[in-house]
Structures are given as structure tokens and as C-alpha cells.
Amino acid sequence: MMSKALTAEDILPIVACLTPRERGRLLRLITARPGADAAVYRSVPPARDEFATDEEPLAWDAQRWENFG
């Protein structure tokens, strides 16, 4: 089943609850050109755990390569 599209009236109360920093980030995300992610990461750096993994850093690279060569 397809969900109902949100209207401006649906979104406005959510945006009103954002902090000024979150509103600024939302505005930058909305107006950003495709491929311009670098500016977003400069304004809000990734969190410590954003790219974290429980695996050994290079373990994923070695998986399934034993059948080659």
C-alpha cells in the first residue's frame, strides 16, 4: 500500500520543533546541488559511530576471495 504524500501543513509543525542548527542543516540539504555533500559534512561532521563496524577493519575485504587465484 502506498503511503499518503505529506503536505506543507503536515511538515511545518515538525520543522517548527527543530533547533536553529537543525533548521540550517535542513535548509542546506534541501538547497544543495547533487554531488555537493562535502559542504554538508564540513558543517556537520560525521558522528564517531557513523562509519563504525564491529568487524576487523580489513576482514570484509578478505571475505570470499579465497576461491580466486
PDB file of N, CA and C in Angstrom:
ATOM      1  N   MET A   1       0.834  -1.169   0.000  1.00  0.00           N
ATOM      2  CA  MET A   1       0.000   0.000   0.000  1.00  0.00           C
ATOM      3  C   MET A   1       0.886   1.242   0.000  1.00  0.00           C
ATOM      4  N   MET A   2       0.551   2.224  -0.834  1.00  0.00           N
ATOM      5  CA  MET A   2       1.326   3.451  -0.947  1.00  0.00           C
ATOM      6  C   MET A   2       0.926   4.410   0.177  1.00  0.00           C
ATOM      7  N   SER A   3       1.927   5.024   0.802  1.00  0.00           N
ATOM      8  CA  SER A   3       1.626   5.977   1.863  1.00  0.00           C
ATOM      9  C   SER A   3       1.188   7.314   1.274  1.00  0.00           C
ATOM     10  N   LYS A   4       0.443   8.066   2.078  1.00  0.00           N
ATOM     11  CA  LYS A   4      -0.062   9.369   1.658  1.00  0.00           C
ATOM     12  C   LYS A   4       1.084  10.382   1.628  1.00  0.00           C
ATOM     13  N   ALA A   5       1.138  11.182   0.578  1.00  0.00           N
ATOM     14  CA  ALA A   5       2.163  12.221   0.477  1.00  0.00           C
ATOM     15  C   ALA A   5       1.928  13.285   1.541  1.00  0.00           C
ATOM     16  N   LEU A   6       3.009  13.770   2.113  1.00  0.00           N
ATOM     17  CA  LEU A   6       2.900  14.817   3.127  1.00  0.00           C
ATOM     18  C   LEU A   6       2.675  16.167   2.464  1.00  0.00           C
ATOM     19  N   THR A   7       1.933  17.006   3.140  1.00  0.00           N
ATOM     20  CA  THR A   7       1.699  18.371   2.671  1.00  0.00           C
ATOM     21  C   THR A   7       2.535  19.330   3.515  1.00  0.00           C
ATOM     22  N   ALA A   8       2.576  20.572   3.114  1.00  0.00           N
ATOM     23  CA  ALA A   8       3.289  21.586   3.889  1.00  0.00           C
ATOM     24  C   ALA A   8       2.692  21.703   5.291  1.00  0.00           C
ATOM     25  N   GLU A   9       1.382  21.543   5.394  1.00  0.00           N
ATOM     26  CA  GLU A   9       0.725  21.612   6.714  1.00  0.00           C
ATOM     27  C   GLU A   9       1.173  20.459   7.614  1.00  0.00           C
ATOM     28  N   ASP A  10       1.502  19.316   7.014  1.00  0.00           N
ATOM     29  CA  ASP A  10       1.993  18.176   7.794  1.00  0.00           C
ATOM     30  C   ASP A  10       3.424  18.404   8.259  1.00  0.00           C
ATOM     31  N   ILE A  11       4.227  19.014   7.417  1.00  0.00           N
ATOM     32  CA  ILE A  11       5.654  19.161   7.684  1.00  0.00           C
ATOM     33  C   ILE A  11       5.970  20.355   8.578  1.00  0.00           C
ATOM     34  N   LEU A  12       5.207  21.432   8.464  1.00  0.00           N
ATOM     35  CA  LEU A  12       5.501  22.666   9.193  1.00  0.00           C
ATOM     36  C   LEU A  12       5.638  22.467  10.705  1.00  0.00           C
ATOM     37  N   PRO A  13       4.746  21.721  11.381  1.00  0.00           N
ATOM     38  CA  PRO A  13       4.934  21.526  12.832  1.00  0.00           C
ATOM     39  C   PRO A  13       6.222  20.777  13.168  1.00  0.00           C
ATOM     40  N   ILE A  14       6.631  19.883  12.294  1.00  0.00           N
ATOM     41  CA  ILE A  14       7.876  19.150  12.528  1.00  0.00           C
ATOM     42  C   ILE A  14       9.063  20.099  12.408  1.00  0.00           C
ATOM     43  N   VAL A  15       9.079  20.919  11.377  1.00  0.00           N
ATOM     44  CA  VAL A  15      10.166  21.876  11.173  1.00  0.00           C
ATOM     45  C   VAL A  15      10.197  22.895  12.312  1.00  0.00           C
ATOM     46  N   ALA A  16       9.037  23.277  12.811  1.00  0.00           N
ATOM     47  CA  ALA A  16       8.971  24.253  13.906  1.00  0.00           C
ATOM     48  C   ALA A  16       9.631  23.722  15.175  1.00  0.00           C
ATOM     49  N   CYS A  17       9.692  22.415  15.348  1.00  0.00           N
ATOM     50  CA  CYS A  17      10.304  21.812  16.539  1.00  0.00           C
ATOM     51  C   CYS A  17      11.822  21.706  16.437  1.00  0.00           C
ATOM     52  N   LEU A  18      12.384  21.941  15.267  1.00  0.00           N
ATOM     53  CA  LEU A  18      13.822  21.819  15.087  1.00  0.00           C
ATOM     54  C   LEU A  18      14.567  22.954  15.761  1.00  0.00           C
ATOM     55  N   THR A  19      15.794  22.660  16.181  1.00  0.00           N
ATOM     56  CA  THR A  19      16.651  23.716  16.725  1.00  0.00           C
ATOM     57  C   THR A  19      17.138  24.581  15.554  1.00  0.00           C
ATOM     58  N   PRO A  20      17.630  25.779  15.822  1.00  0.00           N
ATOM     59  CA  PRO A  20      18.155  26.610  14.732  1.00  0.00           C
ATOM     60  C   PRO A  20      19.234  25.904  13.915  1.00  0.00           C
ATOM     61  N   ARG A  21      20.103  25.150  14.579  1.00  0.00           N
ATOM     62  CA  ARG A  21      21.157  24.419  13.856  1.00  0.00           C
ATOM     63  C   ARG A  21      20.538  23.363  12.932  1.00  0.00           C
ATOM     64  N   GLU A  22      19.537  22.633  13.450  1.00  0.00           N
ATOM     65  CA  GLU A  22      18.870  21.613  12.628  1.00  0.00           C
ATOM     66  C   GLU A  22      18.127  22.247  11.455  1.00  0.00           C
ATOM     67  N   ARG A  23      17.524  23.404  11.675  1.00  0.00           N
ATOM     68  CA  ARG A  23      16.839  24.099  10.574  1.00  0.00           C
ATOM     69  C   ARG A  23      17.834  24.522   9.504  1.00  0.00           C
ATOM     70  N   GLY A  24      18.985  25.021   9.932  1.00  0.00           N
ATOM     71  CA  GLY A  24      20.016  25.408   8.973  1.00  0.00           C
ATOM     72  C   GLY A  24      20.497  24.219   8.172  1.00  0.00           C
ATOM     73  N   ARG A  25      20.700  23.101   8.843  1.00  0.00           N
ATOM     74  CA  ARG A  25      21.140  21.894   8.136  1.00  0.00           C
ATOM     75  C   ARG A  25      20.064  21.434   7.159  1.00  0.00           C
ATOM     76  N   LEU A  26      18.810  21.452   7.565  1.00  0.00           N
ATOM     77  CA  LEU A  26      17.718  21.055   6.674  1.00  0.00           C
ATOM     78  C   LEU A  26      17.683  21.953   5.451  1.00  0.00           C
ATOM     79  N   LEU A  27      17.833  23.254   5.647  1.00  0.00           N
ATOM     80  CA  LEU A  27      17.831  24.184   4.530  1.00  0.00           C
ATOM     81  C   LEU A  27      18.991  23.906   3.576  1.00  0.00           C
ATOM     82  N   ARG A  28      20.178  23.640   4.134  1.00  0.00           N
ATOM     83  CA  ARG A  28      21.324  23.313   3.280  1.00  0.00           C
ATOM     84  C   ARG A  28      21.087  22.023   2.508  1.00  0.00           C
ATOM     85  N   LEU A  29      20.486  21.026   3.161  1.00  0.00           N
ATOM     86  CA  LEU A  29      20.210  19.761   2.474  1.00  0.00           C
ATOM     87  C   LEU A  29      19.185  19.938   1.357  1.00  0.00           C
ATOM     88  N   ILE A  30      18.183  20.757   1.594  1.00  0.00           N
ATOM     89  CA  ILE A  30      17.140  20.983   0.594  1.00  0.00           C
ATOM     90  C   ILE A  30      17.696  21.723  -0.619  1.00  0.00           C
ATOM     91  N   THR A  31      18.567  22.691  -0.373  1.00  0.00           N
ATOM     92  CA  THR A  31      19.050  23.538  -1.463  1.00  0.00           C
ATOM     93  C   THR A  31      20.363  23.062  -2.078  1.00  0.00           C
ATOM     94  N   ALA A  32      20.926  21.977  -1.553  1.00  0.00           N
ATOM     95  CA  ALA A  32      22.221  21.501  -2.050  1.00  0.00           C
ATOM     96  C   ALA A  32      22.102  20.960  -3.469  1.00  0.00           C
ATOM     97  N   ARG A  33      23.144  21.221  -4.223  1.00  0.00           N
ATOM     98  CA  ARG A  33      23.236  20.648  -5.569  1.00  0.00           C
ATOM     99  C   ARG A  33      23.660  19.198  -5.456  1.00  0.00           C
ATOM    100  N   PRO A  34      23.237  18.362  -6.404  1.00  0.00           N
ATOM    101  CA  PRO A  34      23.692  16.968  -6.382  1.00  0.00           C
ATOM    102  C   PRO A  34      25.216  16.907  -6.426  1.00  0.00           C
ATOM    103  N   GLY A  35      25.781  16.064  -5.575  1.00  0.00           N
ATOM    104  CA  GLY A  35      27.234  15.927  -5.526  1.00  0.00           C
ATOM    105  C   GLY A  35      27.903  16.947  -4.633  1.00  0.00           C
ATOM    106  N   ALA A  36      27.144  17.775  -3.943  1.00  0.00           N
ATOM    107  CA  ALA A  36      27.724  18.806  -3.084  1.00  0.00           C
ATOM    108  C   ALA A  36      27.696  18.390  -1.618  1.00  0.00           C
ATOM    109  N   ASP A  37      27.897  17.113  -1.341  1.00  0.00           N
ATOM    110  CA  ASP A  37      27.831  16.610   0.027  1.00  0.00           C
ATOM    111  C   ASP A  37      28.976  17.096   0.905  1.00  0.00           C
ATOM    112  N   ALA A  38      30.079  17.491   0.300  1.00  0.00           N
ATOM    113  CA  ALA A  38      31.238  17.902   1.081  1.00  0.00           C
ATOM    114  C   ALA A  38      30.896  19.078   1.996  1.00  0.00           C
ATOM    115  N   ALA A  39      30.109  20.018   1.515  1.00  0.00           N
ATOM    116  CA  ALA A  39      29.740  21.177   2.339  1.00  0.00           C
ATOM    117  C   ALA A  39      28.910  20.748   3.544  1.00  0.00           C
ATOM    118  N   VAL A  40      28.057  19.761   3.354  1.00  0.00           N
ATOM    119  CA  VAL A  40      27.230  19.277   4.462  1.00  0.00           C
ATOM    120  C   VAL A  40      28.112  18.624   5.519  1.00  0.00           C
ATOM    121  N   TYR A  41      29.068  17.804   5.102  1.00  0.00           N
ATOM    122  CA  TYR A  41      29.945  17.157   6.072  1.00  0.00           C
ATOM    123  C   TYR A  41      30.873  18.141   6.765  1.00  0.00           C
ATOM    124  N   ARG A  42      31.221  19.253   6.110  1.00  0.00           N
ATOM    125  CA  ARG A  42      32.007  20.279   6.789  1.00  0.00           C
ATOM    126  C   ARG A  42      31.175  20.980   7.846  1.00  0.00           C
ATOM    127  N   SER A  43      29.887  21.204   7.581  1.00  0.00           N
ATOM    128  CA  SER A  43      29.048  21.910   8.545  1.00  0.00           C
ATOM    129  C   SER A  43      28.628  21.016   9.703  1.00  0.00           C
ATOM    130  N   VAL A  44      28.407  19.739   9.435  1.00  0.00           N
ATOM    131  CA  VAL A  44      28.036  18.781  10.477  1.00  0.00           C
ATOM    132  C   VAL A  44      28.878  17.525  10.254  1.00  0.00           C
ATOM    133  N   PRO A  45      30.033  17.443  10.909  1.00  0.00           N
ATOM    134  CA  PRO A  45      30.906  16.294  10.693  1.00  0.00           C
ATOM    135  C   PRO A  45      30.221  14.990  11.083  1.00  0.00           C
ATOM    136  N   PRO A  46      30.650  13.874  10.509  1.00  0.00           N
ATOM    137  CA  PRO A  46      30.048  12.593  10.867  1.00  0.00           C
ATOM    138  C   PRO A  46      30.292  12.262  12.333  1.00  0.00           C
ATOM    139  N   ALA A  47      29.343  11.582  12.927  1.00  0.00           N
ATOM    140  CA  ALA A  47      29.481  11.156  14.321  1.00  0.00           C
ATOM    141  C   ALA A  47      30.552  10.065  14.410  1.00  0.00           C
ATOM    142  N   ARG A  48      31.055   9.844  15.620  1.00  0.00           N
ATOM    143  CA  ARG A  48      32.114   8.843  15.815  1.00  0.00           C
ATOM    144  C   ARG A  48      31.688   7.461  15.335  1.00  0.00           C
ATOM    145  N   ASP A  49      30.419   7.126  15.514  1.00  0.00           N
ATOM    146  CA  ASP A  49      29.962   5.781  15.166  1.00  0.00           C
ATOM    147  C   ASP A  49      29.264   5.707  13.806  1.00  0.00           C
ATOM    148  N   GLU A  50      29.281   6.778  13.026  1.00  0.00           N
ATOM    149  CA  GLU A  50      28.568   6.776  11.750  1.00  0.00           C
ATOM    150  C   GLU A  50      29.115   5.721  10.793  1.00  0.00           C
ATOM    151  N   PHE A  51      30.410   5.522  10.790  1.00  0.00           N
ATOM    152  CA  PHE A  51      31.015   4.547   9.895  1.00  0.00           C
ATOM    153  C   PHE A  51      31.652   3.401  10.686  1.00  0.00           C
ATOM    154  N   ALA A  52      31.218   3.205  11.915  1.00  0.00           N
ATOM    155  CA  ALA A  52      31.799   2.183  12.771  1.00  0.00           C
ATOM    156  C   ALA A  52      31.335   0.792  12.356  1.00  0.00           C
ATOM    157  N   THR A  53      32.149  -0.167  12.698  1.00  0.00           N
ATOM    158  CA  THR A  53      31.816  -1.564  12.438  1.00  0.00           C
ATOM    159  C   THR A  53      32.404  -2.411  13.554  1.00  0.00           C
ATOM    160  N   ASP A  54      31.783  -3.546  13.810  1.00  0.00           N
ATOM    161  CA  ASP A  54      32.295  -4.456  14.828  1.00  0.00           C
ATOM    162  C   ASP A  54      33.346  -5.399  14.259  1.00  0.00           C
ATOM    163  N   GLU A  55      33.473  -5.434  12.947  1.00  0.00           N
ATOM    164  CA  GLU A  55      34.419  -6.341  12.313  1.00  0.00           C
ATOM    165  C   GLU A  55      35.822  -5.750  12.297  1.00  0.00           C
ATOM    166  N   GLU A  56      36.775  -6.622  12.104  1.00  0.00           N
ATOM    167  CA  GLU A  56      38.155  -6.205  11.880  1.00  0.00           C
ATOM    168  C   GLU A  56      38.171  -5.294  10.652  1.00  0.00           C
ATOM    169  N   PRO A  57      38.853  -4.159  10.659  1.00  0.00           N
ATOM    170  CA  PRO A  57      38.782  -3.199   9.556  1.00  0.00           C
ATOM    171  C   PRO A  57      38.969  -3.780   8.161  1.00  0.00           C
ATOM    172  N   LEU A  58      39.873  -4.732   7.988  1.00  0.00           N
ATOM    173  CA  LEU A  58      40.106  -5.278   6.658  1.00  0.00           C
ATOM    174  C   LEU A  58      39.473  -6.648   6.451  1.00  0.00           C
ATOM    175  N   ALA A  59      38.738  -7.164   7.431  1.00  0.00           N
ATOM    176  CA  ALA A  59      38.162  -8.504   7.316  1.00  0.00           C
ATOM    177  C   ALA A  59      37.159  -8.590   6.180  1.00  0.00           C
ATOM    178  N   TRP A  60      36.343  -7.586   5.985  1.00  0.00           N
ATOM    179  CA  TRP A  60      35.335  -7.637   4.919  1.00  0.00           C
ATOM    180  C   TRP A  60      36.002  -7.698   3.551  1.00  0.00           C
ATOM    181  N   ASP A  61      37.180  -7.112   3.434  1.00  0.00           N
ATOM    182  CA  ASP A  61      37.879  -7.088   2.154  1.00  0.00           C
ATOM    183  C   ASP A  61      38.408  -8.468   1.784  1.00  0.00           C
ATOM    184  N   ALA A  62      38.687  -9.291   2.777  1.00  0.00           N
ATOM    185  CA  ALA A  62      39.266 -10.608   2.528  1.00  0.00           C
ATOM    186  C   ALA A  62      38.212 -11.686   2.308  1.00  0.00           C
ATOM    187  N   GLN A  63      36.972 -11.420   2.677  1.00  0.00           N
ATOM    188  CA  GLN A  63      35.933 -12.444   2.556  1.00  0.00           C
ATOM    189  C   GLN A  63      35.668 -12.801   1.103  1.00  0.00           C
ATOM    190  N   ARG A  64      35.484 -14.076   0.857  1.00  0.00           N
ATOM    191  CA  ARG A  64      35.111 -14.646  -0.437  1.00  0.00           C
ATOM    192  C   ARG A  64      36.191 -14.484  -1.511  1.00  0.00           C
ATOM    193  N   TRP A  65      37.413 -14.143  -1.140  1.00  0.00           N
ATOM    194  CA  TRP A  65      38.491 -14.046  -2.120  1.00  0.00           C
ATOM    195  C   TRP A  65      39.315 -15.317  -2.173  1.00  0.00           C
ATOM    196  N   GLU A  66      39.074 -16.235  -1.218  1.00  0.00           N
ATOM    197  CA  GLU A  66      39.893 -17.439  -1.184  1.00  0.00           C
ATOM    198  C   GLU A  66      39.695 -18.329  -2.413  1.00  0.00           C
ATOM    199  N   ASN A  67      38.594 -18.176  -3.153  1.00  0.00           N
ATOM    200  CA  ASN A  67      38.351 -19.000  -4.347  1.00  0.00           C
ATOM    201  C   ASN A  67      39.028 -18.431  -5.598  1.00  0.00           C
ATOM    202  N   PHE A  68      39.606 -17.271  -5.510  1.00  0.00           N
ATOM    203  CA  PHE A  68      40.258 -16.657  -6.658  1.00  0.00           C
ATOM    204  C   PHE A  68      41.766 -16.866  -6.567  1.00  0.00           C
ATOM    205  N   GLY A  69      42.373 -16.975  -7.749  1.00  0.00           N
ATOM    206  CA  GLY A  69      43.814 -17.029  -7.810  1.00  0.00           C
ATOM    207  C   GLY A  69      44.330 -18.388  -7.620  1.00  0.00           C
TER     208      GLY A  69
END
